[in-house]
Amino acid sequence: MIDRAHYPSLSGKRVFISGGASGIGEGLVEGFVAQGARVAFCDIVADAGQHVADRLTPGAAHAPIFRQCDLRDIAAVQAMLAEVETALGGVDILINNAANDDRHSIQEVTPEYWEERMAVNLRHLFFTAQAVLPAFRRAGGGVILNFGSISWHLGMADLILYQTAKAAIEGMTRAMARDLGRENVRVNTIVPGNVKTPRQMQWYTPEGEAEIVAAQCLDGRILPADVAALVLFLASDDARMCTGHDYFVDAGWR
């Protein structure tokens, strides 16, 4: 068992996390709750999201708040974030985690599928950031952490739209960091490697897992808690001079 770091500056901070019902997102919710933060999160899957909130409530300094939301619906996203801001009394930290890495070939892509994949994997990150900016300004600053992906850095197969969106996120992060820095808003990208989650396990055989580990510099599989450790640091005041960059947690996968 790893003795995880504690960040006093995160205690009581108001945090919103997208895609928090499973996998990396669930690990992020758990990590911030353990830091004593006030956490709200959303997911499209209602039952799983409520289960996470119920599981983490006992013993929490602040019970996490779950809201079901389809992030493809920007009006619904804006309404949900207004409700969350009221419930939390503001927002200090935005974690744009939600995405979907369904496999697809170039031949399968239609204009409609293109638009839907961009809505799932890119568009909502901009509009959630836009929605929380007034709260950041009232608070005197904030943190935005956008989730990228190792996939486009490796050029993996059958993920062209996902990789297009994830590459764009890194560009958007740099632009946001420049535009918002003088308002004391820090913006970074988290770039996970292959994280062992139930969803990822559907894509990989034991042989495939072994190939991933062999391509890493470090032995072992990355877990959601390993990603959360990086996120917690970058969200904390300890990272007060970190902005406009991409931070990898990939065990050196190349």
Protein backbone atom coordinates (compact mmCIF):
# COMPACT_ATOMS: atom_id res chain seq x y z
CA MET A 1 0.00 0.00 0.00
CA ILE A 2 1.39 3.38 -1.05
CA ASP A 3 1.24 6.19 1.50
CA ARG A 4 -0.31 8.87 -0.71
CA ALA A 5 0.50 12.58 -0.46
CA HIS A 6 -1.88 14.97 1.27
CA TYR A 7 -2.30 18.53 -0.01
CA PRO A 8 -3.68 20.94 2.60
CA SER A 9 -4.51 23.46 -0.14
CA LEU A 10 -7.11 21.04 -1.59
CA SER A 11 -9.12 20.82 1.62
CA GLY A 12 -12.46 22.52 1.04
CA LYS A 13 -11.71 23.32 -2.61
CA ARG A 14 -14.71 23.09 -4.92
CA VAL A 15 -14.02 20.56 -7.65
CA PHE A 16 -16.00 19.47 -10.69
CA ILE A 17 -15.06 16.25 -12.52
CA SER A 18 -16.62 15.00 -15.75
CA GLY A 19 -16.94 11.27 -16.39
CA GLY A 20 -16.55 10.31 -12.74
CA ALA A 21 -18.60 7.12 -12.58
CA SER A 22 -15.89 4.61 -13.50
CA GLY A 23 -12.26 4.04 -14.39
CA ILE A 24 -9.92 7.01 -14.15
CA GLY A 25 -12.80 9.35 -13.33
CA GLU A 26 -13.87 7.28 -10.35
CA GLY A 27 -10.27 7.34 -9.13
CA LEU A 28 -10.24 11.13 -9.43
CA VAL A 29 -13.46 11.52 -7.45
CA GLU A 30 -12.09 9.23 -4.76
CA GLY A 31 -8.78 11.09 -4.64
CA PHE A 32 -10.30 14.54 -4.22
CA VAL A 33 -12.83 13.35 -1.64
CA ALA A 34 -9.95 11.86 0.37
CA GLN A 35 -8.24 15.28 0.29
CA GLY A 36 -11.26 16.88 1.95
CA ALA A 37 -12.38 18.69 -1.20
CA ARG A 38 -15.99 19.45 -2.03
CA VAL A 39 -16.58 17.35 -5.13
CA ALA A 40 -19.30 17.28 -7.74
CA PHE A 41 -19.10 15.00 -10.75
CA CYS A 42 -21.16 13.96 -13.72
CA ASP A 43 -21.52 10.95 -15.95
CA ILE A 44 -23.94 9.74 -18.60
CA VAL A 45 -24.44 6.49 -16.64
CA ALA A 46 -26.76 7.33 -13.75
CA ASP A 47 -26.67 4.13 -11.68
CA ALA A 48 -22.88 3.83 -11.68
CA GLY A 49 -22.45 7.50 -10.82
CA GLN A 50 -24.82 7.37 -7.88
CA HIS A 51 -23.10 4.20 -6.66
CA VAL A 52 -19.75 6.03 -6.57
CA ALA A 53 -21.28 8.94 -4.65
CA ASP A 54 -22.94 6.60 -2.15
CA ARG A 55 -19.75 4.54 -1.72
CA LEU A 56 -17.60 7.57 -0.94
CA THR A 57 -20.04 9.46 1.30
CA PRO A 58 -19.43 7.59 4.59
CA GLY A 59 -16.50 9.21 6.37
CA ALA A 60 -16.11 11.99 3.80
CA ALA A 61 -15.59 15.54 5.04
CA HIS A 62 -17.95 16.57 2.24
CA ALA A 63 -20.27 14.08 0.56
CA PRO A 64 -19.70 14.04 -3.21
CA ILE A 65 -22.52 15.24 -5.44
CA PHE A 66 -23.45 13.30 -8.58
CA ARG A 67 -25.36 14.62 -11.57
CA GLN A 68 -26.33 12.62 -14.64
CA CYS A 69 -25.53 14.53 -17.83
CA ASP A 70 -24.98 13.89 -21.53
CA LEU A 71 -22.00 16.11 -22.35
CA ARG A 72 -22.98 16.21 -26.01
CA ASP A 73 -25.86 18.51 -24.98
CA ILE A 74 -24.15 21.82 -24.26
CA ALA A 75 -27.29 23.51 -22.94
CA ALA A 76 -27.69 20.66 -20.46
CA VAL A 77 -24.02 20.96 -19.50
CA GLN A 78 -24.37 24.67 -18.83
CA ALA A 79 -27.51 24.16 -16.74
CA MET A 80 -25.87 21.34 -14.78
CA LEU A 81 -22.77 23.41 -14.03
CA ALA A 82 -24.91 26.33 -12.84
CA GLU A 83 -26.65 23.94 -10.45
CA VAL A 84 -23.33 22.49 -9.30
CA GLU A 85 -21.89 25.94 -8.69
CA THR A 86 -24.87 26.79 -6.50
CA ALA A 87 -24.55 23.51 -4.58
CA LEU A 88 -20.81 23.91 -4.00
CA GLY A 89 -20.82 27.66 -3.52
CA GLY A 90 -18.53 28.11 -6.52
CA VAL A 91 -15.96 26.15 -8.52
CA ASP A 92 -12.19 26.27 -8.01
CA ILE A 93 -11.00 23.27 -10.01
CA LEU A 94 -12.33 21.80 -13.27
CA ILE A 95 -11.24 18.31 -14.32
CA ASN A 96 -12.23 17.58 -17.93
CA ASN A 97 -11.89 13.80 -17.90
CA ALA A 98 -14.86 12.39 -19.84
CA ALA A 99 -14.18 10.78 -23.22
CA ASN A 100 -14.93 7.65 -25.25
CA ASP A 101 -12.35 5.64 -27.16
CA ASP A 102 -14.59 3.39 -29.26
CA ARG A 103 -12.63 1.87 -32.13
CA HIS A 104 -13.42 2.81 -35.72
CA SER A 105 -11.87 2.66 -39.18
CA ILE A 106 -11.44 5.53 -41.63
CA GLN A 107 -13.99 3.93 -43.96
CA GLU A 108 -16.67 3.90 -41.27
CA VAL A 109 -16.56 7.63 -40.58
CA THR A 110 -19.52 9.68 -41.78
CA PRO A 111 -19.99 13.43 -41.25
CA GLU A 112 -22.54 12.62 -38.55
CA TYR A 113 -20.17 10.25 -36.74
CA TRP A 114 -17.38 12.85 -36.97
CA GLU A 115 -19.57 15.48 -35.29
CA GLU A 116 -20.73 13.03 -32.61
CA ARG A 117 -17.15 11.95 -31.76
CA MET A 118 -15.97 15.55 -31.53
CA ALA A 119 -18.93 16.29 -29.25
CA VAL A 120 -18.00 13.35 -27.02
CA ASN A 121 -14.24 13.88 -26.94
CA LEU A 122 -13.49 17.57 -27.53
CA ARG A 123 -16.29 20.13 -27.64
CA HIS A 124 -17.52 19.85 -24.06
CA LEU A 125 -14.05 20.58 -22.63
CA PHE A 126 -14.19 24.08 -24.06
CA PHE A 127 -17.73 24.79 -22.94
CA THR A 128 -17.26 23.49 -19.38
CA ALA A 129 -14.23 25.77 -19.09
CA GLN A 130 -16.21 28.69 -20.46
CA ALA A 131 -19.03 27.98 -17.99
CA VAL A 132 -16.83 27.99 -14.88
CA LEU A 133 -14.82 31.11 -15.73
CA PRO A 134 -17.18 33.50 -13.92
CA ALA A 135 -16.79 31.41 -10.75
CA PHE A 136 -13.00 31.41 -11.18
CA ARG A 137 -13.00 35.19 -11.54
CA ARG A 138 -15.05 35.63 -8.38
CA ALA A 139 -12.64 33.32 -6.54
CA GLY A 140 -9.55 35.11 -7.88
CA GLY A 141 -8.31 32.17 -9.95
CA GLY A 142 -8.73 28.48 -10.68
CA VAL A 143 -7.35 25.32 -12.22
CA ILE A 144 -8.38 23.49 -15.39
CA LEU A 145 -6.97 20.03 -16.09
CA ASN A 146 -7.85 18.58 -19.48
CA PHE A 147 -7.35 14.91 -20.26
CA GLY A 148 -5.41 14.01 -23.37
CA SER A 149 -4.23 10.56 -24.42
CA ILE A 150 -1.02 8.71 -25.18
CA SER A 151 -2.79 7.17 -28.20
CA TRP A 152 -2.02 9.90 -30.73
CA HIS A 153 1.57 10.20 -29.54
CA LEU A 154 1.95 6.51 -30.38
CA GLY A 155 -0.16 6.58 -33.55
CA MET A 156 -2.37 3.67 -32.53
CA ALA A 157 -4.69 1.96 -35.01
CA ASP A 158 -8.47 2.35 -35.37
CA LEU A 159 -8.74 5.52 -33.25
CA ILE A 160 -8.42 8.31 -35.81
CA LEU A 161 -11.24 10.52 -34.53
CA TYR A 162 -10.39 9.95 -30.86
CA GLN A 163 -6.75 10.79 -31.57
CA THR A 164 -7.71 13.88 -33.57
CA ALA A 165 -9.75 15.15 -30.63
CA LYS A 166 -7.06 14.31 -28.09
CA ALA A 167 -4.36 16.08 -30.12
CA ALA A 168 -6.60 19.14 -30.32
CA ILE A 169 -7.01 19.16 -26.54
CA GLU A 170 -3.30 19.74 -26.08
CA GLY A 171 -3.48 22.76 -28.39
CA MET A 172 -6.55 24.07 -26.59
CA THR A 173 -4.78 23.73 -23.24
CA ARG A 174 -1.87 25.88 -24.39
CA ALA A 175 -4.23 28.54 -25.78
CA MET A 176 -6.32 28.60 -22.59
CA ALA A 177 -3.21 28.82 -20.42
CA ARG A 178 -2.04 31.88 -22.35
CA ASP A 179 -5.43 33.60 -22.47
CA LEU A 180 -6.30 32.97 -18.81
CA GLY A 181 -2.94 33.08 -17.06
CA ARG A 182 -3.12 36.74 -16.05
CA GLU A 183 -6.38 35.93 -14.28
CA ASN A 184 -4.54 33.38 -12.14
CA VAL A 185 -6.06 30.41 -13.97
CA ARG A 186 -3.70 27.50 -14.57
CA VAL A 187 -4.42 25.05 -17.41
CA ASN A 188 -2.61 21.78 -18.08
CA THR A 189 -3.15 18.52 -19.92
CA ILE A 190 -2.89 15.10 -18.27
CA VAL A 191 -1.69 12.43 -20.70
CA PRO A 192 -2.30 8.92 -19.32
CA GLY A 193 -0.75 5.80 -20.75
CA ASN A 194 -2.68 2.56 -20.79
CA VAL A 195 -4.49 2.55 -17.46
CA LYS A 196 -5.87 -0.72 -16.12
CA THR A 197 -9.63 -0.12 -15.94
CA PRO A 198 -12.56 -2.42 -16.70
CA ARG A 199 -13.16 -0.58 -19.98
CA GLN A 200 -9.58 -0.92 -21.16
CA MET A 201 -9.50 -4.59 -20.24
CA GLN A 202 -12.14 -5.28 -22.90
CA TRP A 203 -9.62 -4.32 -25.58
CA TYR A 204 -6.62 -6.32 -24.37
CA THR A 205 -5.79 -10.00 -23.99
CA PRO A 206 -3.18 -11.06 -21.42
CA GLU A 207 -0.73 -11.17 -24.34
CA GLY A 208 -1.69 -7.60 -25.27
CA GLU A 209 -1.14 -6.45 -21.70
CA ALA A 210 2.29 -8.06 -21.72
CA GLU A 211 3.14 -6.17 -24.92
CA ILE A 212 2.17 -2.87 -23.29
CA VAL A 213 4.32 -3.52 -20.22
CA ALA A 214 7.22 -4.59 -22.45
CA ALA A 215 6.99 -1.24 -24.29
CA GLN A 216 7.04 0.72 -21.01
CA CYS A 217 10.23 1.76 -19.24
CA LEU A 218 8.71 0.55 -15.95
CA ASP A 219 7.21 -2.82 -15.09
CA GLY A 220 3.63 -3.03 -13.88
CA ARG A 221 0.28 -1.60 -14.93
CA ILE A 222 -0.79 1.99 -14.40
CA LEU A 223 -3.82 2.26 -12.10
CA PRO A 224 -6.40 5.06 -11.73
CA ALA A 225 -4.79 6.02 -8.40
CA ASP A 226 -1.51 6.68 -10.22
CA VAL A 227 -3.27 9.13 -12.54
CA ALA A 228 -5.09 10.72 -9.60
CA ALA A 229 -1.75 11.29 -7.85
CA LEU A 230 -0.57 13.50 -10.71
CA VAL A 231 -3.91 15.29 -10.97
CA LEU A 232 -3.99 16.06 -7.24
CA PHE A 233 -0.53 17.61 -7.38
CA LEU A 234 -1.33 19.76 -10.42
CA ALA A 235 -4.62 20.89 -8.85
CA SER A 236 -2.91 21.86 -5.60
CA ASP A 237 -1.14 25.10 -4.70
CA ASP A 238 2.13 23.14 -4.74
CA ALA A 239 1.89 23.34 -8.56
CA ARG A 240 1.21 27.09 -8.56
CA MET A 241 3.75 27.78 -11.33
CA CYS A 242 2.80 24.85 -13.57
CA THR A 243 0.67 25.81 -16.57
CA GLY A 244 0.42 25.40 -20.32
CA HIS A 245 2.02 21.96 -20.48
CA ASP A 246 1.32 18.27 -20.97
CA TYR A 247 2.09 15.94 -18.06
CA PHE A 248 2.46 12.25 -18.82
CA VAL A 249 1.75 9.34 -16.51
CA ASP A 250 2.53 6.45 -18.87
CA ALA A 251 5.35 4.44 -17.24
CA GLY A 252 7.55 5.59 -20.14
CA TRP A 253 5.45 3.86 -22.82
CA ARG A 254 7.02 4.25 -26.26
